[in-house]
Amino acid sequence: MPSMNELVRQHTDLGDTDLEWLHLLVSEWQLLSDLSFADLVLWLPTRDGAKYVSVAQMRPNTGPTSYQNDMVGHLVPRGRRPLLDAALDEGRIVREGDPEWREEVPVRVESIPVRREGRVLGVIARNTNLLTVRTPSRLELTYLQSASDLAQMIAAGSFPFPDQQVDMDAAPRVGDGLVRLDSDGIVTYASPNALSAYHRMGLAADLVGCHLGRTTAELAPSRGPVDEALAKVASGWAPREFEIEASDGVIQFRAIPLKPKGTRIGSLVLLRDVTELRRRERELITKDATIREIHHRVKNNLQTVAALLRLQARRMDSDQGREALQEAVRRVGSIAIVHETLSQTLDERVEFDEIADRVLAMVAEISPGTVTGRRSGRFGILDAEVATPLSMVLTEVLQNALEHGFRPGDTGTVEVSAVRGGTPREERLLVTVLDDGVGLPGDFDPHSSGNLGLQIVRTLVEGELGGAFDMVRVSPGGGTRVLLDIPVKSQK
């Protein structure tokens, strides 16, 4: 399905500022759809004026849909839908006409002009499924009256509010709780959900007849200086979003002034009880902080262990024992690097390129000759369960290359390259460690031969990471290539 940007640029001459206005409208019109109990389709006249193209569609959460199929991208000749023509040409809301029948369902169609800075950019077709029509309740009448006021504001170009970008995924919705205010800020209607939210804040009476701003300010906790603007904001004098945290709950508010004829006649206040949501967020923040602190302490403990091993190595008389302890120091150090990185992130994932560079620099210090280490490609973001064993594998492979691939006084290069590929469901990380040292012995078998370090590599790669490991001679003249093929999760 083409995007709204593609359809607008392909079929119309509307500029970027007009397109931004349409995006702002579409980001808000779930509110109009839910209040109207109706589907909305945005139609724009084409470049030649001979047709209309539908560029966006919204279905209501509060009632049955009128369109079973997607309408975005449809083209309709001018003249086939007279209500669209009248709304576009006359710049007014058009409600005349008998219901249309669609698949044995009666549908009432209305057309709302979309105005911006005095120009009508297009028309919203509001389609109401009449199959379940019955005598409306007080709640439904309030919804419909509020929808009518918003429709008039759209036709006048005063809605949506150009200086307020609302995150509709996070903002309260119609069904979460709705309060209708008159021009003085007095509550004329409060939905059951809205009343329940105020009861949670401590209100013992009904909301109808109360001044919402003053009532809300009285219920808000008095910590520090009183926010004198709270009463005004809660009265809906300006489009605002805010939260109030009382002793027993947290309520999220959104105020929408209603000015269907240019003068404020009242306001809509949408509200939602987000007490449990905020409690879970605080728990997650606490959990994240605890996990980061654990990683930080593990890193410190590992560094302490490494320091003790270094101290013990200095006291060893045996060269072989000293080298074994130094290898242990590097292994512990590679794990500490991962935990240090994890202590600085918000989740159990790390950017492994930085870890690879630090491991490469750490291992390069043991080279008996003058060996240059470098990295190419990207490891990308890896889960901690992959990053920790991979850092140890990389340490062992590099240590093996530098210790056994080069003699004292040799110069050379060790390159670590990484490539991610495969499919999103089965992504793989291919790591190559290439050196130009003396190469492998002729009878060397990477799957059975080797020292403790290579045994650790085989165990971690094949057993823990579920990957494959191989070592091959580059050429008869020397050089060794280590290949690692490891399954990883997609970064997306």
Protein backbone atom coordinates (compact mmCIF):
# COMPACT_ATOMS: atom_id res chain seq x y z
CA MET A 1 0.00 0.00 0.00
CA PRO A 2 1.48 3.41 -0.96
CA SER A 3 2.18 5.92 1.81
CA MET A 4 0.38 9.24 2.16
CA ASN A 5 3.54 11.09 1.12
CA GLU A 6 3.78 9.05 -2.08
CA LEU A 7 0.10 9.55 -2.97
CA VAL A 8 0.18 13.30 -2.28
CA ARG A 9 3.31 13.85 -4.36
CA GLN A 10 2.13 11.59 -7.16
CA HIS A 11 -1.39 12.97 -7.58
CA THR A 12 -1.45 16.54 -6.17
CA ASP A 13 0.46 19.83 -6.18
CA LEU A 14 0.33 20.29 -2.39
CA GLY A 15 3.54 21.63 -0.86
CA ASP A 16 5.53 20.40 2.11
CA THR A 17 3.78 22.67 4.62
CA ASP A 18 0.36 21.44 3.44
CA LEU A 19 1.56 17.86 3.72
CA GLU A 20 2.78 18.50 7.27
CA TRP A 21 -0.68 19.84 8.15
CA LEU A 22 -2.30 16.68 6.73
CA HIS A 23 0.08 14.51 8.76
CA LEU A 24 -0.81 16.47 11.89
CA LEU A 25 -4.50 16.00 11.12
CA VAL A 26 -4.13 12.27 10.53
CA SER A 27 -2.16 11.89 13.77
CA GLU A 28 -5.15 13.37 15.63
CA TRP A 29 -8.19 12.04 13.78
CA GLN A 30 -8.58 8.82 15.75
CA LEU A 31 -10.20 11.17 18.27
CA LEU A 32 -12.78 12.37 15.69
CA SER A 33 -13.40 8.81 14.48
CA ASP A 34 -14.07 7.49 17.99
CA LEU A 35 -16.29 10.41 18.96
CA SER A 36 -18.26 10.04 15.72
CA PHE A 37 -18.54 6.23 15.86
CA ALA A 38 -17.58 6.53 12.19
CA ASP A 39 -14.94 5.68 9.59
CA LEU A 40 -12.92 8.55 8.17
CA VAL A 41 -11.38 8.73 4.69
CA LEU A 42 -9.29 11.69 3.58
CA TRP A 43 -9.85 12.61 -0.08
CA LEU A 44 -7.68 15.10 -1.97
CA PRO A 45 -8.40 16.59 -5.40
CA THR A 46 -5.88 15.45 -8.01
CA ARG A 47 -3.54 17.76 -9.86
CA ASP A 48 -5.92 18.18 -12.84
CA GLY A 49 -9.00 18.53 -10.60
CA ALA A 50 -10.79 15.73 -12.41
CA LYS A 51 -10.59 13.14 -9.64
CA TYR A 52 -10.19 12.58 -5.91
CA VAL A 53 -7.53 10.30 -4.40
CA SER A 54 -7.91 8.76 -0.94
CA VAL A 55 -4.67 9.18 1.01
CA ALA A 56 -5.59 8.05 4.55
CA GLN A 57 -8.24 6.05 6.39
CA MET A 58 -9.26 5.54 10.01
CA ARG A 59 -11.70 3.09 11.61
CA PRO A 60 -13.42 3.74 14.95
CA ASN A 61 -12.67 1.91 18.17
CA THR A 62 -16.16 2.72 19.45
CA GLY A 63 -18.40 1.29 16.73
CA PRO A 64 -18.67 -0.99 13.69
CA THR A 65 -16.76 -0.10 10.55
CA SER A 66 -18.38 1.00 7.29
CA TYR A 67 -15.47 -0.18 5.15
CA GLN A 68 -14.35 -3.78 5.22
CA ASN A 69 -11.66 -3.05 2.62
CA ASP A 70 -8.83 -0.53 2.58
CA MET A 71 -9.65 2.64 0.68
CA VAL A 72 -6.18 4.22 0.57
CA GLY A 73 -5.03 4.78 -3.01
CA HIS A 74 -8.51 4.68 -4.58
CA LEU A 75 -9.34 7.22 -7.29
CA VAL A 76 -12.87 8.57 -7.77
CA PRO A 77 -13.93 10.83 -10.68
CA ARG A 78 -15.25 14.23 -9.73
CA GLY A 79 -19.05 14.22 -9.90
CA ARG A 80 -19.52 10.65 -8.72
CA ARG A 81 -19.71 11.72 -5.07
CA PRO A 82 -21.60 15.03 -4.92
CA LEU A 83 -20.99 15.49 -1.19
CA LEU A 84 -17.23 15.65 -1.80
CA ASP A 85 -17.75 18.21 -4.55
CA ALA A 86 -20.00 20.39 -2.39
CA ALA A 87 -17.67 20.33 0.63
CA LEU A 88 -14.62 21.14 -1.51
CA ASP A 89 -16.26 23.88 -3.59
CA GLU A 90 -18.33 25.53 -0.85
CA GLY A 91 -15.96 24.94 2.09
CA ARG A 92 -18.71 23.75 4.41
CA ILE A 93 -19.75 20.53 6.13
CA VAL A 94 -22.29 18.72 3.96
CA ARG A 95 -24.74 16.25 5.52
CA GLU A 96 -27.51 16.14 2.92
CA GLY A 97 -28.58 12.98 1.16
CA ASP A 98 -30.02 9.57 1.98
CA PRO A 99 -27.89 6.79 3.45
CA GLU A 100 -25.82 4.72 1.07
CA TRP A 101 -26.10 0.92 1.04
CA ARG A 102 -22.84 -1.02 1.13
CA GLU A 103 -23.06 -4.80 1.22
CA GLU A 104 -26.58 -4.58 2.73
CA VAL A 105 -25.38 -2.10 5.36
CA PRO A 106 -26.88 1.43 5.49
CA VAL A 107 -24.14 4.09 5.80
CA ARG A 108 -24.64 7.78 6.51
CA VAL A 109 -22.05 9.85 4.65
CA GLU A 110 -20.93 13.35 5.60
CA SER A 111 -18.19 15.51 4.11
CA ILE A 112 -15.93 17.78 6.18
CA PRO A 113 -13.64 20.24 4.36
CA VAL A 114 -10.03 20.31 5.57
CA ARG A 115 -8.95 23.93 5.73
CA ARG A 116 -5.51 25.42 6.25
CA GLU A 117 -4.82 29.15 6.21
CA GLY A 118 -8.01 29.88 4.30
CA ARG A 119 -7.54 27.17 1.64
CA VAL A 120 -9.49 23.92 1.44
CA LEU A 121 -6.91 21.18 0.90
CA GLY A 122 -9.25 18.21 0.77
CA VAL A 123 -12.31 16.58 2.29
CA ILE A 124 -12.84 14.06 5.09
CA ALA A 125 -15.65 11.63 4.32
CA ARG A 126 -17.24 10.57 7.60
CA ASN A 127 -19.07 7.25 7.15
CA THR A 128 -21.33 5.95 9.93
CA ASN A 129 -22.60 2.37 9.97
CA LEU A 130 -26.35 2.65 10.75
CA LEU A 131 -27.01 -1.06 11.15
CA THR A 132 -26.90 -0.88 14.95
CA VAL A 133 -28.57 2.52 15.37
CA ARG A 134 -30.62 2.85 18.57
CA THR A 135 -31.61 5.58 20.98
CA PRO A 136 -28.28 7.11 22.04
CA SER A 137 -27.21 7.28 25.68
CA ARG A 138 -25.99 10.40 27.44
CA LEU A 139 -22.40 9.29 26.80
CA GLU A 140 -23.05 8.79 23.08
CA LEU A 141 -24.80 12.14 22.76
CA THR A 142 -21.82 13.84 24.41
CA TYR A 143 -19.48 12.03 22.03
CA LEU A 144 -21.49 13.08 18.98
CA GLN A 145 -21.75 16.72 20.08
CA SER A 146 -17.99 16.83 20.71
CA ALA A 147 -17.36 15.26 17.30
CA SER A 148 -19.54 17.90 15.67
CA ASP A 149 -17.56 20.67 17.39
CA LEU A 150 -14.23 19.16 16.24
CA ALA A 151 -15.56 18.77 12.69
CA GLN A 152 -16.46 22.46 12.60
CA MET A 153 -12.98 23.35 13.86
CA ILE A 154 -11.40 21.24 11.09
CA ALA A 155 -13.61 22.99 8.54
CA ALA A 156 -12.54 26.36 9.96
CA GLY A 157 -8.85 25.46 10.00
CA SER A 158 -8.50 25.71 13.81
CA PHE A 159 -7.93 21.99 14.44
CA PRO A 160 -5.53 20.28 14.79
CA PHE A 161 -3.48 22.68 16.89
CA PRO A 162 -0.37 23.55 14.87
CA ASP A 163 1.89 24.12 17.88
CA GLN A 164 1.09 20.83 19.60
CA GLN A 165 2.35 17.47 18.36
CA VAL A 166 0.57 14.69 20.24
CA ASP A 167 1.88 11.16 20.60
CA MET A 168 -1.42 9.36 20.09
CA ASP A 169 0.07 6.04 21.18
CA ALA A 170 0.74 7.50 24.62
CA ALA A 171 -2.06 10.09 24.92
CA PRO A 172 -5.42 9.25 26.56
CA ARG A 173 -8.12 8.01 24.18
CA VAL A 174 -11.84 8.62 24.15
CA GLY A 175 -12.67 5.32 25.85
CA ASP A 176 -10.13 5.88 28.64
CA GLY A 177 -12.16 8.69 30.17
CA LEU A 178 -13.86 11.86 28.90
CA VAL A 179 -15.00 15.03 30.65
CA ARG A 180 -16.98 17.78 28.88
CA LEU A 181 -16.68 21.31 30.28
CA ASP A 182 -18.62 24.49 29.58
CA SER A 183 -16.95 27.83 28.89
CA ASP A 184 -16.50 28.47 32.63
CA GLY A 185 -14.73 25.15 33.22
CA ILE A 186 -17.75 23.53 34.90
CA VAL A 187 -18.22 19.81 34.25
CA THR A 188 -21.35 19.10 32.23
CA TYR A 189 -20.61 15.41 31.67
CA ALA A 190 -18.08 12.86 32.96
CA SER A 191 -17.85 9.32 31.60
CA PRO A 192 -17.79 6.43 34.09
CA ASN A 193 -14.07 5.83 33.47
CA ALA A 194 -13.30 9.50 34.08
CA LEU A 195 -15.29 9.48 37.31
CA SER A 196 -13.45 6.33 38.47
CA ALA A 197 -10.11 8.02 37.84
CA TYR A 198 -11.11 11.00 40.01
CA HIS A 199 -12.38 8.69 42.73
CA ARG A 200 -8.92 7.10 42.74
CA MET A 201 -7.41 10.56 43.29
CA GLY A 202 -9.66 10.98 46.34
CA LEU A 203 -12.86 12.61 45.05
CA ALA A 204 -15.85 11.45 47.11
CA ALA A 205 -18.63 13.21 45.15
CA ASP A 206 -19.81 13.39 41.55
CA LEU A 207 -17.89 15.52 39.04
CA VAL A 208 -20.87 17.05 37.24
CA GLY A 209 -21.35 20.63 38.41
CA CYS A 210 -17.80 20.92 39.78
CA HIS A 211 -15.19 23.33 38.48
CA LEU A 212 -12.70 20.82 37.10
CA GLY A 213 -9.64 23.03 37.49
CA ARG A 214 -10.22 23.88 41.14
CA THR A 215 -11.29 20.32 41.98
CA THR A 216 -8.18 18.90 40.34
CA ALA A 217 -5.91 21.41 42.10
CA GLU A 218 -7.45 20.48 45.47
CA LEU A 219 -6.86 16.77 44.86
CA ALA A 220 -3.29 17.24 43.66
CA PRO A 221 -0.64 16.63 46.34
CA SER A 222 0.74 19.81 47.89
CA ARG A 223 4.48 19.09 47.70
CA GLY A 224 6.43 22.32 47.60
CA PRO A 225 5.02 25.46 45.94
CA VAL A 226 1.47 25.15 44.62
CA ASP A 227 1.28 25.14 40.83
CA GLU A 228 -1.04 28.10 40.31
CA ALA A 229 -1.41 27.21 36.62
CA LEU A 230 -2.85 23.77 37.38
CA ALA A 231 -6.39 25.00 37.89
CA LYS A 232 -6.24 26.90 34.60
CA VAL A 233 -4.72 24.02 32.64
CA ALA A 234 -7.17 21.46 34.02
CA SER A 235 -10.02 23.76 33.02
CA GLY A 236 -9.09 23.26 29.37
CA TRP A 237 -8.21 26.84 28.47
CA ALA A 238 -5.34 25.70 26.25
CA PRO A 239 -4.34 22.46 24.51
CA ARG A 240 -2.10 20.76 27.04
CA GLU A 241 -1.01 17.33 28.26
CA PHE A 242 -0.06 16.79 31.88
CA GLU A 243 -0.05 14.23 34.68
CA ILE A 244 -1.08 14.39 38.30
CA GLU A 245 0.30 11.97 40.87
CA ALA A 246 -1.92 11.73 43.91
CA SER A 247 -1.36 9.50 46.92
CA ASP A 248 -3.28 6.58 45.43
CA GLY A 249 -2.82 7.00 41.70
CA VAL A 250 -1.40 8.74 38.66
CA ILE A 251 -3.79 10.31 36.14
CA GLN A 252 -2.79 11.46 32.66
CA PHE A 253 -4.73 14.39 31.17
CA ARG A 254 -5.19 15.95 27.77
CA ALA A 255 -7.17 19.19 27.43
CA ILE A 256 -8.72 20.22 24.09
CA PRO A 257 -10.41 23.64 23.86
CA LEU A 258 -13.55 23.61 21.69
CA LYS A 259 -13.98 26.61 19.38
CA PRO A 260 -16.38 25.48 16.63
CA LYS A 261 -17.26 29.06 15.63
CA GLY A 262 -14.04 30.81 16.64
CA THR A 263 -15.07 31.43 20.25
CA ARG A 264 -14.34 29.00 23.04
CA ILE A 265 -17.57 27.27 24.13
CA GLY A 266 -15.95 24.76 26.46
CA SER A 267 -13.42 21.98 26.45
CA LEU A 268 -12.88 18.27 26.20
CA VAL A 269 -10.63 16.67 28.77
CA LEU A 270 -9.47 13.15 28.04
CA LEU A 271 -7.91 11.31 30.97
CA ARG A 272 -6.51 7.91 31.75
CA ASP A 273 -5.55 6.13 34.93
CA VAL A 274 -1.87 5.26 34.38
CA THR A 275 -1.12 4.21 37.95
CA GLU A 276 -0.15 0.64 37.10
CA LEU A 277 1.75 1.73 33.99
CA ARG A 278 3.89 4.20 35.96
CA ARG A 279 4.42 1.63 38.72
CA ARG A 280 5.75 -0.88 36.17
CA GLU A 281 7.95 1.80 34.61
CA ARG A 282 9.46 2.60 38.01
CA GLU A 283 10.04 -1.11 38.61
CA LEU A 284 11.78 -1.43 35.25
CA ILE A 285 13.95 1.61 35.96
CA THR A 286 14.89 0.13 39.34
CA LYS A 287 15.56 -3.25 37.74
CA ASP A 288 17.72 -1.68 35.02
CA ALA A 289 19.71 0.27 37.58
CA THR A 290 20.18 -2.88 39.67
CA ILE A 291 21.38 -4.89 36.67
CA ARG A 292 23.84 -2.17 35.68
CA GLU A 293 25.14 -2.03 39.25
CA ILE A 294 25.59 -5.81 39.24
CA HIS A 295 27.57 -5.66 36.01
CA HIS A 296 29.67 -2.84 37.47
CA ARG A 297 30.42 -4.85 40.61
CA VAL A 298 31.19 -8.01 38.60
CA LYS A 299 33.62 -5.96 36.49
CA ASN A 300 35.30 -4.62 39.64
CA ASN A 301 35.55 -8.11 41.14
CA LEU A 302 37.03 -9.50 37.93
CA GLN A 303 39.58 -6.70 37.86
CA THR A 304 40.46 -7.54 41.47
CA VAL A 305 40.92 -11.20 40.50
CA ALA A 306 43.11 -10.15 37.55
CA ALA A 307 45.21 -7.96 39.84
CA LEU A 308 45.69 -10.84 42.28
CA LEU A 309 46.71 -13.15 39.43
CA ARG A 310 49.23 -10.57 38.17
CA LEU A 311 50.62 -10.22 41.69
CA GLN A 312 50.96 -14.00 41.96
CA ALA A 313 52.61 -14.19 38.52
CA ARG A 314 55.33 -11.77 39.62
CA ARG A 315 56.19 -14.09 42.52
CA MET A 316 56.40 -17.21 40.34
CA ASP A 317 59.85 -18.66 39.69
CA SER A 318 58.62 -20.91 36.89
CA ASP A 319 58.36 -19.26 33.47
CA GLN A 320 55.67 -21.75 32.47
CA GLY A 321 53.61 -20.98 35.58
CA ARG A 322 54.04 -17.25 35.06
CA GLU A 323 52.80 -17.49 31.46
CA ALA A 324 49.79 -19.57 32.53
CA LEU A 325 48.80 -16.93 35.08
CA GLN A 326 49.23 -14.15 32.51
CA GLU A 327 46.93 -16.03 30.13
CA ALA A 328 44.38 -16.30 32.93
CA VAL A 329 44.68 -12.53 33.51
CA ARG A 330 43.83 -11.88 29.86
CA ARG A 331 40.88 -14.27 29.93
CA VAL A 332 39.47 -12.62 33.04
CA GLY A 333 40.14 -9.20 31.48
CA SER A 334 38.16 -10.03 28.34
CA ILE A 335 35.11 -10.93 30.43
CA ALA A 336 35.55 -7.77 32.53
CA ILE A 337 35.45 -5.65 29.36
CA VAL A 338 32.01 -7.06 28.47
CA HIS A 339 30.62 -6.44 31.98
CA GLU A 340 32.02 -2.90 31.95
CA THR A 341 30.20 -2.24 28.68
CA LEU A 342 26.97 -3.80 29.98
CA SER A 343 27.12 -1.58 33.07
CA GLN A 344 26.76 1.45 30.80
CA THR A 345 23.77 0.24 28.74
CA LEU A 346 20.02 0.12 29.40
CA ASP A 347 19.59 -3.48 28.25
CA GLU A 348 21.50 -6.74 28.01
CA ARG A 349 22.95 -5.86 24.60
CA VAL A 350 26.30 -4.33 23.70
CA GLU A 351 27.99 -2.72 20.71
CA PHE A 352 30.67 -5.36 20.22
CA ASP A 353 32.98 -3.34 17.94
CA GLU A 354 34.31 -1.38 20.91
CA ILE A 355 34.88 -4.62 22.84
CA ALA A 356 36.72 -6.17 19.87
CA ASP A 357 39.01 -3.13 19.62
CA ARG A 358 39.83 -3.26 23.33
CA VAL A 359 40.50 -7.01 23.23
CA LEU A 360 42.74 -6.50 20.20
CA ALA A 361 44.71 -3.78 22.01
CA MET A 362 44.98 -5.86 25.19
CA VAL A 363 46.28 -8.96 23.43
CA ALA A 364 48.68 -7.00 21.18
CA GLU A 365 50.74 -6.16 24.26
CA ILE A 366 52.02 -9.76 24.44
CA SER A 367 53.41 -9.85 20.87
CA PRO A 368 57.04 -11.01 20.80
CA GLY A 369 57.65 -8.89 17.69
CA THR A 370 56.28 -5.71 16.15
CA VAL A 371 52.79 -6.74 15.09
CA THR A 372 50.07 -4.35 13.98
CA GLY A 373 46.46 -5.22 14.81
CA ARG A 374 43.44 -3.81 13.00
CA ARG A 375 39.71 -4.45 12.62
CA SER A 376 37.48 -4.23 9.55
CA GLY A 377 33.74 -4.66 9.18
CA ARG A 378 31.20 -4.45 12.02
CA PHE A 379 30.19 -6.93 14.69
CA GLY A 380 27.18 -4.77 15.50
CA ILE A 381 24.97 -5.12 18.57
CA LEU A 382 25.10 -8.49 20.33
CA ASP A 383 23.25 -9.97 23.28
CA ALA A 384 25.27 -10.41 26.45
CA GLU A 385 24.92 -14.19 26.20
CA VAL A 386 26.80 -14.01 22.88
CA ALA A 387 29.16 -11.14 23.68
CA THR A 388 30.74 -12.73 26.76
CA PRO A 389 31.84 -16.05 25.21
CA LEU A 390 32.74 -14.31 21.93
CA SER A 391 35.08 -11.93 23.75
CA MET A 392 36.85 -14.92 25.31
CA VAL A 393 37.04 -16.67 21.92
CA LEU A 394 38.50 -13.57 20.30
CA THR A 395 41.02 -13.24 23.13
CA GLU A 396 42.19 -16.84 22.75
CA VAL A 397 42.41 -16.70 18.94
CA LEU A 398 44.37 -13.43 18.95
CA GLN A 399 46.61 -14.61 21.76
CA ASN A 400 47.33 -17.83 19.86
CA ALA A 401 48.11 -15.91 16.65
CA LEU A 402 50.52 -13.53 18.35
CA GLU A 403 52.28 -16.13 20.50
CA HIS A 404 52.70 -18.87 17.92
CA GLY A 405 52.50 -17.02 14.61
CA PHE A 406 55.40 -14.62 15.15
CA ARG A 407 58.95 -15.04 16.39
CA PRO A 408 60.87 -12.49 18.45
CA GLY A 409 61.76 -9.53 16.23
CA ASP A 410 59.17 -10.40 13.53
CA THR A 411 56.95 -7.75 12.04
CA GLY A 412 53.51 -8.49 10.72
CA THR A 413 49.79 -7.86 10.82
CA VAL A 414 46.78 -9.45 12.46
CA GLU A 415 43.41 -8.41 11.07
CA VAL A 416 40.01 -9.11 12.60
CA SER A 417 37.10 -8.80 10.17
CA ALA A 418 33.40 -9.25 10.86
CA VAL A 419 30.44 -9.58 8.51
CA ARG A 420 26.77 -10.03 9.41
CA GLY A 421 24.54 -11.73 6.90
CA GLY A 422 21.80 -14.27 6.34
CA THR A 423 18.08 -13.63 6.77
CA PRO A 424 16.32 -11.64 9.52
CA ARG A 425 15.14 -14.94 11.04
CA GLU A 426 18.54 -16.64 10.80
CA GLU A 427 21.20 -13.94 10.93
CA ARG A 428 24.82 -15.07 11.24
CA LEU A 429 28.05 -13.41 12.23
CA LEU A 430 31.14 -14.42 10.22
CA VAL A 431 34.40 -13.52 11.96
CA THR A 432 37.83 -13.95 10.35
CA VAL A 433 41.16 -13.55 12.15
CA LEU A 434 43.97 -13.40 9.57
CA ASP A 435 47.68 -13.16 10.32
CA ASP A 436 50.76 -13.22 8.07
CA GLY A 437 52.93 -15.16 10.54
CA VAL A 438 54.77 -18.44 10.13
CA GLY A 439 51.60 -20.46 9.57
CA LEU A 440 50.38 -23.82 10.89
CA PRO A 441 52.44 -27.02 11.12
CA GLY A 442 51.80 -29.46 8.30
CA ASP A 443 50.15 -32.08 10.54
CA PHE A 444 47.98 -29.60 12.46
CA ASP A 445 44.29 -30.54 12.91
CA PRO A 446 42.26 -27.60 14.30
CA HIS A 447 39.50 -29.94 15.54
CA SER A 448 41.75 -32.07 17.76
CA SER A 449 45.17 -30.47 18.02
CA GLY A 450 46.19 -27.35 19.88
CA ASN A 451 46.74 -26.01 23.37
CA LEU A 452 44.27 -25.19 26.14
CA GLY A 453 43.33 -21.92 24.44
CA LEU A 454 42.13 -23.64 21.27
CA GLN A 455 40.25 -26.21 23.33
CA ILE A 456 38.45 -23.33 25.05
CA VAL A 457 37.67 -21.81 21.62
CA ARG A 458 36.19 -25.04 20.27
CA THR A 459 34.11 -25.57 23.41
CA LEU A 460 32.70 -22.01 23.44
CA VAL A 461 32.05 -21.70 19.69
CA GLU A 462 30.54 -25.12 19.09
CA GLY A 463 29.01 -25.83 22.49
CA GLU A 464 27.87 -22.49 23.90
CA LEU A 465 27.41 -20.35 20.79
CA GLY A 466 26.17 -23.11 18.48
CA GLY A 467 28.56 -22.06 15.72
CA ALA A 468 31.43 -23.47 13.68
CA PHE A 469 35.19 -23.02 14.06
CA ASP A 470 38.03 -23.71 11.63
CA MET A 471 41.73 -22.84 11.11
CA VAL A 472 43.46 -23.01 7.72
CA ARG A 473 46.89 -22.23 6.30
CA VAL A 474 46.76 -19.19 4.02
CA SER A 475 49.62 -20.27 1.73
CA PRO A 476 52.63 -22.62 1.76
CA GLY A 477 54.74 -19.60 2.72
CA GLY A 478 52.86 -18.95 5.94
CA GLY A 479 49.90 -17.12 7.38
CA THR A 480 46.87 -18.49 9.23
CA ARG A 481 43.16 -17.79 8.86
CA VAL A 482 40.72 -18.54 11.70
CA LEU A 483 37.06 -18.74 10.71
CA LEU A 484 34.13 -18.35 13.13
CA ASP A 485 30.51 -18.78 11.98
CA ILE A 486 28.09 -17.86 14.78
CA PRO A 487 24.27 -17.50 14.77
CA VAL A 488 23.09 -14.19 16.22
CA LYS A 489 19.79 -12.42 16.74
CA SER A 490 18.76 -9.63 14.39
CA GLN A 491 19.48 -6.05 15.55
CA LYS A 492 16.00 -4.93 14.47
